C-alpha cells in the first residue's frame, strides 16, 4: 500500500515550482494583455492620421510589438515549465506506485523545468527593459 505522506513528500518540490510558475504566468499575462491593448490603441491612432507619417508613433508601435513578442515567448516557456513540473509530479507518483527508480528521468524533468523558468525570466527582464525604453520615449516627447 502506498503511503500518502510518501507521495506528498515526493511531489512537494514540483508542486511548489508549479505555484511559482503560476504566479509568474499571471504577471506575464497581465503585461501581455496591457501591451496588446496599447498596441491596438496605437494602431488606431496611426490609422487615424494616414497618409501622414509619425516617426515617434511608428517607433512606439515597433517597441510595443517587440514587447508583445517577448512576452509571448516568456509565457510559452513558463507554460512548458509548468507542464514539465506536472510531469515530474506524475513521475514521482509512478516511482512510488511501481517501486521503480526514476531518479534520472525526474532529475532531467526538474532541470528542464527550472531552465525554462530561468530563460523565461531573462526574456521577461528584457521585456521590462524594452518597456522602460518605450516609456522614456513618451516622457521625452
Protein backbone atom coordinates (compact mmCIF):
# COMPACT_ATOMS: atom_id res chain seq x y z
CA UNK A 1 0.00 0.00 0.00
CA UNK A 2 1.30 3.45 -0.91
CA UNK A 3 1.56 5.86 1.97
CA UNK A 4 0.00 9.25 1.34
CA UNK A 5 2.82 11.04 3.20
CA UNK A 6 5.46 9.50 0.96
CA UNK A 7 3.61 10.58 -2.18
CA UNK A 8 3.09 14.09 -0.81
CA UNK A 9 6.75 14.40 0.16
CA UNK A 10 7.91 13.29 -3.30
CA UNK A 11 5.57 15.74 -5.03
CA UNK A 12 6.24 18.75 -2.81
CA UNK A 13 9.12 20.31 -4.78
CA UNK A 14 7.44 20.19 -8.20
CA UNK A 15 4.13 21.35 -6.74
CA UNK A 16 5.89 24.35 -5.20
CA UNK A 17 7.53 25.02 -8.57
CA UNK A 18 4.11 24.90 -10.24
CA UNK A 19 2.81 27.51 -7.77
CA UNK A 20 5.70 29.86 -8.54
CA UNK A 21 5.23 29.30 -12.25
CA UNK A 22 1.54 30.15 -11.85
CA UNK A 23 2.36 33.47 -10.20
CA UNK A 24 4.80 34.36 -12.97
CA UNK A 25 2.23 33.38 -15.56
CA UNK A 26 -0.39 35.70 -14.04
CA UNK A 27 2.06 38.61 -14.03
CA UNK A 28 3.20 37.97 -17.59
CA UNK A 29 -0.35 37.52 -18.87
CA UNK A 30 -1.40 40.84 -17.34
CA UNK A 31 1.52 42.61 -19.02
CA UNK A 32 0.75 40.84 -22.30
CA UNK A 33 -2.89 41.92 -22.20
CA UNK A 34 -1.94 45.51 -21.39
CA UNK A 35 0.65 45.57 -24.19
CA UNK A 36 -1.74 44.18 -26.78
CA UNK A 37 -4.40 46.71 -25.76
CA UNK A 38 -1.88 49.54 -26.03
CA UNK A 39 -0.66 48.25 -29.40
CA UNK A 40 -4.22 48.22 -30.75
CA UNK A 41 -4.73 51.76 -29.47
CA UNK A 42 -1.56 53.00 -31.18
CA UNK A 43 -2.50 51.25 -34.43
CA UNK A 44 -5.88 53.02 -34.36
CA UNK A 45 -4.07 56.33 -33.83
CA UNK A 46 -1.76 55.53 -36.74
CA UNK A 47 -4.71 54.70 -38.98
CA UNK A 48 -6.44 57.95 -37.99
CA UNK A 49 -3.56 60.13 -39.21
CA UNK A 50 -2.91 58.30 -42.50
CA UNK A 51 -1.48 59.06 -45.01
CA UNK A 52 0.68 61.26 -42.78
CA UNK A 53 3.62 59.55 -41.04
CA UNK A 54 4.56 60.00 -37.41
CA UNK A 55 8.03 58.55 -36.74
CA UNK A 56 7.56 58.63 -32.95
CA UNK A 57 4.26 56.77 -33.21
CA UNK A 58 5.78 54.20 -35.56
CA UNK A 59 8.70 53.69 -33.20
CA UNK A 60 6.35 53.26 -30.23
CA UNK A 61 4.36 50.67 -32.20
CA UNK A 62 7.55 48.76 -33.02
CA UNK A 63 8.66 48.77 -29.37
CA UNK A 64 5.32 47.56 -28.09
CA UNK A 65 5.16 44.88 -30.78
CA UNK A 66 8.63 43.74 -29.63
CA UNK A 67 7.32 43.64 -26.05
CA UNK A 68 4.35 41.50 -27.10
CA UNK A 69 6.64 39.06 -28.92
CA UNK A 70 8.97 38.82 -25.92
CA UNK A 71 6.06 38.25 -23.56
CA UNK A 72 4.61 35.56 -25.82
CA UNK A 73 7.93 33.68 -25.73
CA UNK A 74 8.23 34.07 -21.96
CA UNK A 75 4.66 32.89 -21.42
CA UNK A 76 5.19 29.85 -23.64
CA UNK A 77 8.32 28.87 -21.71
CA UNK A 78 6.55 29.32 -18.37
CA UNK A 79 3.63 27.17 -19.52
CA UNK A 80 6.04 24.47 -20.70
CA UNK A 81 7.87 24.68 -17.39
CA UNK A 82 4.58 24.07 -15.59
CA UNK A 83 3.95 21.08 -17.84
CA UNK A 84 7.36 19.60 -17.05
CA UNK A 85 6.76 20.22 -13.34
CA UNK A 86 3.43 18.39 -13.60
CA UNK A 87 5.18 15.51 -15.38
CA UNK A 88 7.66 15.47 -12.52
CA UNK A 89 4.80 15.05 -10.03
CA UNK A 90 3.41 12.24 -12.18
CA UNK A 91 6.80 10.51 -12.36
CA UNK A 92 7.18 10.79 -8.58
CA UNK A 93 3.82 9.10 -8.08
CA UNK A 94 4.64 6.39 -10.65
CA UNK A 95 8.00 5.84 -8.98
CA UNK A 96 6.35 5.22 -5.62
CA UNK A 97 3.49 3.17 -7.06
CA UNK A 98 5.67 0.94 -9.25
CA UNK A 99 8.64 0.77 -6.93
CA UNK A 100 10.98 1.73 -9.77
CA UNK A 101 13.83 4.20 -9.52
CA UNK A 102 13.09 7.06 -11.92
CA UNK A 103 15.62 9.46 -10.40
CA UNK A 104 17.43 10.15 -13.69
CA UNK A 105 14.18 10.94 -15.53
CA UNK A 106 12.93 13.05 -12.62
CA UNK A 107 16.23 14.96 -12.49
CA UNK A 108 16.06 15.68 -16.21
CA UNK A 109 12.45 16.90 -15.93
CA UNK A 110 13.36 19.14 -12.99
CA UNK A 111 16.38 20.60 -14.80
CA UNK A 112 14.28 21.32 -17.90
CA UNK A 113 11.53 22.94 -15.83
CA UNK A 114 13.97 25.16 -13.94
CA UNK A 115 15.92 26.05 -17.10
CA UNK A 116 12.69 27.16 -18.74
CA UNK A 117 11.84 29.33 -15.73
CA UNK A 118 15.30 30.93 -15.88
CA UNK A 119 15.13 31.58 -19.63
CA UNK A 120 11.59 32.88 -19.33
CA UNK A 121 12.62 35.22 -16.53
CA UNK A 122 15.50 36.56 -18.63
CA UNK A 123 13.12 37.20 -21.53
CA UNK A 124 10.71 38.86 -19.10
CA UNK A 125 13.54 41.11 -17.87
CA UNK A 126 14.27 42.06 -21.49
CA UNK A 127 10.59 42.94 -21.93
CA UNK A 128 10.66 45.17 -18.85
CA UNK A 129 13.78 46.87 -20.20
CA UNK A 130 12.03 47.43 -23.55
CA UNK A 131 9.03 48.79 -21.68
CA UNK A 132 11.25 51.32 -19.92
CA UNK A 133 12.72 52.36 -23.28
CA UNK A 134 9.19 52.93 -24.65
CA UNK A 135 8.27 54.88 -21.53
CA UNK A 136 11.39 57.01 -21.95
CA UNK A 137 10.29 57.90 -25.47
CA UNK A 138 6.92 59.02 -24.13
CA UNK A 139 8.50 61.15 -21.41
CA UNK A 140 10.91 62.87 -23.78
CA UNK A 141 8.17 63.72 -26.26
